[in-house]
Amino acid sequence: MNIILREEARSDVLHAVDGYEQRRQGLGAEYRDALDATIARILRFPLAFEPGERGLRRALVSRFPYALYFRIYPEAIVVVGVLPAQRQPGA
């Protein structure tokens, strides 16, 4: 199955990477690695993440206070946002 990051999700990722790089050089790359591992987990076990509000599923990023919010469709998994774990997409 394919995974698609909507434009908003891509923007969320770039913003977080920039913020982490400003804190410490290389921290943005570590965040990207953790994000890639989370995406791999979603692809391997998409149904392990319970649907929540508005049918969105949430996968936490290890080591970083972020979550990927996604929906499962027959043809692909669509990530709609990558936000601080306490925020909800659209909030």
N, C-alpha and C. Protein backbone atom coordinates (compact mmCIF):
# COMPACT_ATOMS: atom_id res chain seq x y z
N MET A 1 0.84 -1.17 0.00
CA MET A 1 0.00 0.00 0.00
C MET A 1 0.89 1.24 0.00
N ASN A 2 0.44 2.29 -0.65
CA ASN A 2 1.18 3.55 -0.71
C ASN A 2 0.77 4.47 0.42
N ILE A 3 1.66 5.40 0.74
CA ILE A 3 1.33 6.43 1.71
C ILE A 3 1.50 7.78 1.02
N ILE A 4 0.53 8.66 1.25
CA ILE A 4 0.52 9.98 0.64
C ILE A 4 0.48 11.02 1.75
N LEU A 5 1.39 11.98 1.69
CA LEU A 5 1.37 13.10 2.63
C LEU A 5 0.72 14.28 1.92
N ARG A 6 -0.40 14.73 2.44
CA ARG A 6 -1.05 15.91 1.87
C ARG A 6 -0.11 17.11 2.05
N GLU A 7 -0.34 18.13 1.26
CA GLU A 7 0.51 19.32 1.29
C GLU A 7 0.63 19.90 2.69
N GLU A 8 -0.47 19.91 3.45
CA GLU A 8 -0.44 20.43 4.82
C GLU A 8 0.51 19.61 5.69
N ALA A 9 0.49 18.29 5.51
CA ALA A 9 1.37 17.41 6.29
C ALA A 9 2.83 17.65 5.92
N ARG A 10 3.10 17.83 4.65
CA ARG A 10 4.48 18.12 4.21
C ARG A 10 4.98 19.42 4.83
N SER A 11 4.11 20.41 4.85
CA SER A 11 4.45 21.70 5.44
C SER A 11 4.71 21.55 6.94
N ASP A 12 3.88 20.75 7.61
CA ASP A 12 4.07 20.48 9.05
C ASP A 12 5.45 19.88 9.30
N VAL A 13 5.84 18.92 8.46
CA VAL A 13 7.12 18.24 8.63
C VAL A 13 8.27 19.22 8.42
N LEU A 14 8.23 20.00 7.36
CA LEU A 14 9.30 20.95 7.08
C LEU A 14 9.45 21.98 8.20
N HIS A 15 8.33 22.43 8.73
CA HIS A 15 8.35 23.40 9.83
C HIS A 15 9.02 22.79 11.07
N ALA A 16 8.65 21.56 11.39
CA ALA A 16 9.24 20.90 12.56
C ALA A 16 10.72 20.63 12.36
N VAL A 17 11.11 20.16 11.17
CA VAL A 17 12.53 19.90 10.88
C VAL A 17 13.34 21.18 11.05
N ASP A 18 12.85 22.28 10.50
CA ASP A 18 13.54 23.57 10.64
C ASP A 18 13.69 23.97 12.11
N GLY A 19 12.60 23.80 12.87
CA GLY A 19 12.65 24.15 14.29
C GLY A 19 13.65 23.32 15.06
N TYR A 20 13.69 22.02 14.78
CA TYR A 20 14.64 21.16 15.48
C TYR A 20 16.08 21.46 15.05
N GLU A 21 16.30 21.78 13.79
CA GLU A 21 17.65 22.13 13.32
C GLU A 21 18.14 23.42 13.97
N GLN A 22 17.22 24.35 14.23
CA GLN A 22 17.61 25.59 14.89
C GLN A 22 18.02 25.33 16.34
N ARG A 23 17.41 24.33 16.95
CA ARG A 23 17.78 23.99 18.33
C ARG A 23 19.17 23.37 18.40
N ARG A 24 19.38 22.40 17.47
CA ARG A 24 20.68 21.70 17.45
C ARG A 24 20.88 21.09 16.08
N GLN A 25 22.06 21.32 15.52
CA GLN A 25 22.36 20.76 14.20
C GLN A 25 22.26 19.23 14.25
N GLY A 26 21.56 18.67 13.31
CA GLY A 26 21.38 17.21 13.24
C GLY A 26 20.10 16.73 13.91
N LEU A 27 19.49 17.55 14.75
CA LEU A 27 18.26 17.13 15.43
C LEU A 27 17.10 17.02 14.44
N GLY A 28 17.10 17.86 13.42
CA GLY A 28 16.07 17.77 12.38
C GLY A 28 16.15 16.44 11.64
N ALA A 29 17.36 15.98 11.37
CA ALA A 29 17.56 14.68 10.71
C ALA A 29 17.09 13.54 11.61
N GLU A 30 17.34 13.67 12.91
CA GLU A 30 16.87 12.65 13.85
C GLU A 30 15.34 12.60 13.88
N TYR A 31 14.73 13.78 13.82
CA TYR A 31 13.27 13.84 13.76
C TYR A 31 12.76 13.15 12.49
N ARG A 32 13.40 13.42 11.35
CA ARG A 32 12.99 12.79 10.08
C ARG A 32 13.13 11.27 10.17
N ASP A 33 14.20 10.78 10.79
CA ASP A 33 14.38 9.34 10.95
C ASP A 33 13.26 8.74 11.80
N ALA A 34 12.91 9.43 12.88
CA ALA A 34 11.82 8.95 13.74
C ALA A 34 10.49 8.98 12.99
N LEU A 35 10.31 10.00 12.17
CA LEU A 35 9.09 10.11 11.36
C LEU A 35 9.03 8.98 10.34
N ASP A 36 10.16 8.69 9.69
CA ASP A 36 10.21 7.58 8.73
C ASP A 36 9.89 6.25 9.40
N ALA A 37 10.38 6.05 10.61
CA ALA A 37 10.09 4.81 11.35
C ALA A 37 8.59 4.72 11.68
N THR A 38 7.98 5.85 11.99
CA THR A 38 6.54 5.88 12.28
C THR A 38 5.75 5.54 11.02
N ILE A 39 6.16 6.09 9.89
CA ILE A 39 5.50 5.79 8.62
C ILE A 39 5.63 4.31 8.29
N ALA A 40 6.79 3.74 8.52
CA ALA A 40 7.00 2.30 8.27
C ALA A 40 6.06 1.47 9.16
N ARG A 41 5.89 1.90 10.43
CA ARG A 41 4.98 1.20 11.35
C ARG A 41 3.54 1.28 10.84
N ILE A 42 3.15 2.46 10.36
CA ILE A 42 1.79 2.64 9.82
C ILE A 42 1.58 1.74 8.62
N LEU A 43 2.55 1.70 7.73
CA LEU A 43 2.42 0.86 6.53
C LEU A 43 2.34 -0.62 6.88
N ARG A 44 3.06 -1.01 7.91
CA ARG A 44 3.08 -2.43 8.29
C ARG A 44 1.82 -2.84 9.05
N PHE A 45 1.32 -1.96 9.93
CA PHE A 45 0.17 -2.28 10.78
C PHE A 45 -0.84 -1.13 10.80
N PRO A 46 -1.43 -0.77 9.68
CA PRO A 46 -2.32 0.41 9.64
C PRO A 46 -3.53 0.30 10.55
N LEU A 47 -4.06 -0.89 10.73
CA LEU A 47 -5.25 -1.06 11.55
C LEU A 47 -4.95 -1.09 13.06
N ALA A 48 -3.68 -1.07 13.42
CA ALA A 48 -3.31 -1.07 14.84
C ALA A 48 -3.63 0.27 15.51
N PHE A 49 -3.88 1.27 14.72
CA PHE A 49 -4.16 2.62 15.23
C PHE A 49 -5.66 2.85 15.15
N GLU A 50 -6.28 3.01 16.31
CA GLU A 50 -7.74 3.16 16.38
C GLU A 50 -8.21 4.47 15.75
N PRO A 51 -9.33 4.43 15.02
CA PRO A 51 -9.88 5.69 14.51
C PRO A 51 -10.41 6.52 15.67
N GLY A 52 -10.15 7.80 15.59
CA GLY A 52 -10.61 8.71 16.63
C GLY A 52 -11.59 9.70 16.07
N GLU A 53 -11.49 10.91 16.58
CA GLU A 53 -12.37 11.98 16.15
C GLU A 53 -12.26 12.20 14.64
N ARG A 54 -13.40 12.34 13.99
CA ARG A 54 -13.49 12.55 12.54
C ARG A 54 -12.89 11.39 11.73
N GLY A 55 -12.77 10.23 12.34
CA GLY A 55 -12.27 9.06 11.64
C GLY A 55 -10.77 9.05 11.42
N LEU A 56 -10.07 10.00 12.02
CA LEU A 56 -8.61 10.04 11.86
C LEU A 56 -7.94 9.09 12.84
N ARG A 57 -6.91 8.45 12.36
CA ARG A 57 -6.08 7.59 13.20
C ARG A 57 -4.84 8.38 13.57
N ARG A 58 -4.25 8.08 14.72
CA ARG A 58 -3.10 8.83 15.22
C ARG A 58 -1.98 7.87 15.56
N ALA A 59 -0.79 8.18 15.03
CA ALA A 59 0.42 7.41 15.35
C ALA A 59 1.44 8.36 15.95
N LEU A 60 1.89 8.05 17.15
CA LEU A 60 2.87 8.89 17.83
C LEU A 60 4.27 8.65 17.28
N VAL A 61 5.05 9.72 17.19
CA VAL A 61 6.43 9.65 16.73
C VAL A 61 7.31 9.44 17.96
N SER A 62 8.11 8.38 17.96
CA SER A 62 8.95 8.12 19.13
C SER A 62 10.02 9.20 19.27
N ARG A 63 10.33 9.52 20.54
CA ARG A 63 11.34 10.51 20.93
C ARG A 63 10.91 11.95 20.72
N PHE A 64 9.88 12.21 19.96
CA PHE A 64 9.46 13.57 19.66
C PHE A 64 7.97 13.71 19.97
N PRO A 65 7.55 14.88 20.45
CA PRO A 65 6.14 15.05 20.84
C PRO A 65 5.23 15.37 19.66
N TYR A 66 5.28 14.52 18.64
CA TYR A 66 4.48 14.71 17.43
C TYR A 66 3.67 13.46 17.14
N ALA A 67 2.61 13.67 16.36
CA ALA A 67 1.75 12.56 15.92
C ALA A 67 1.41 12.75 14.47
N LEU A 68 1.31 11.64 13.76
CA LEU A 68 0.82 11.64 12.38
C LEU A 68 -0.66 11.31 12.43
N TYR A 69 -1.47 12.09 11.76
CA TYR A 69 -2.90 11.85 11.67
C TYR A 69 -3.20 11.39 10.25
N PHE A 70 -3.89 10.24 10.14
CA PHE A 70 -4.07 9.67 8.81
C PHE A 70 -5.41 8.95 8.68
N ARG A 71 -5.77 8.72 7.42
CA ARG A 71 -6.95 7.92 7.07
C ARG A 71 -6.50 6.79 6.15
N ILE A 72 -7.21 5.68 6.25
CA ILE A 72 -6.92 4.53 5.40
C ILE A 72 -7.99 4.48 4.31
N TYR A 73 -7.54 4.45 3.07
CA TYR A 73 -8.41 4.29 1.91
C TYR A 73 -8.00 2.99 1.21
N PRO A 74 -8.86 2.44 0.37
CA PRO A 74 -8.50 1.19 -0.31
C PRO A 74 -7.21 1.30 -1.13
N GLU A 75 -6.96 2.46 -1.72
CA GLU A 75 -5.80 2.60 -2.60
C GLU A 75 -4.56 3.18 -1.92
N ALA A 76 -4.73 3.81 -0.76
CA ALA A 76 -3.58 4.44 -0.11
C ALA A 76 -3.91 4.85 1.32
N ILE A 77 -2.86 5.13 2.07
CA ILE A 77 -2.98 5.75 3.39
C ILE A 77 -2.64 7.22 3.18
N VAL A 78 -3.51 8.10 3.65
CA VAL A 78 -3.31 9.53 3.45
C VAL A 78 -3.05 10.21 4.79
N VAL A 79 -1.86 10.81 4.92
CA VAL A 79 -1.50 11.57 6.12
C VAL A 79 -2.00 12.99 5.92
N VAL A 80 -2.88 13.43 6.82
CA VAL A 80 -3.47 14.77 6.69
C VAL A 80 -2.76 15.80 7.54
N GLY A 81 -1.98 15.36 8.54
CA GLY A 81 -1.26 16.31 9.37
C GLY A 81 -0.20 15.62 10.20
N VAL A 82 0.85 16.38 10.51
CA VAL A 82 1.91 15.93 11.41
C VAL A 82 2.05 17.07 12.42
N LEU A 83 1.43 16.89 13.57
CA LEU A 83 1.26 17.98 14.53
C LEU A 83 1.79 17.61 15.90
N PRO A 84 2.03 18.65 16.73
CA PRO A 84 2.34 18.33 18.12
C PRO A 84 1.26 17.41 18.68
N ALA A 85 1.64 16.42 19.44
CA ALA A 85 0.72 15.35 19.85
C ALA A 85 -0.52 15.85 20.56
N GLN A 86 -0.48 17.00 21.21
CA GLN A 86 -1.66 17.49 21.93
C GLN A 86 -2.63 18.24 21.03
N ARG A 87 -2.25 18.56 19.79
CA ARG A 87 -3.14 19.27 18.88
C ARG A 87 -3.87 18.28 17.98
N GLN A 88 -5.01 18.71 17.46
CA GLN A 88 -5.79 17.92 16.50
C GLN A 88 -5.80 18.66 15.17
N PRO A 89 -5.83 17.93 14.04
CA PRO A 89 -5.93 18.61 12.75
C PRO A 89 -7.18 19.48 12.70
N GLY A 90 -7.04 20.66 12.16
CA GLY A 90 -8.18 21.58 12.07
C GLY A 90 -8.40 22.41 13.31
N ALA A 91 -7.64 22.15 14.37
CA ALA A 91 -7.84 22.90 15.62
C ALA A 91 -6.99 24.16 15.64
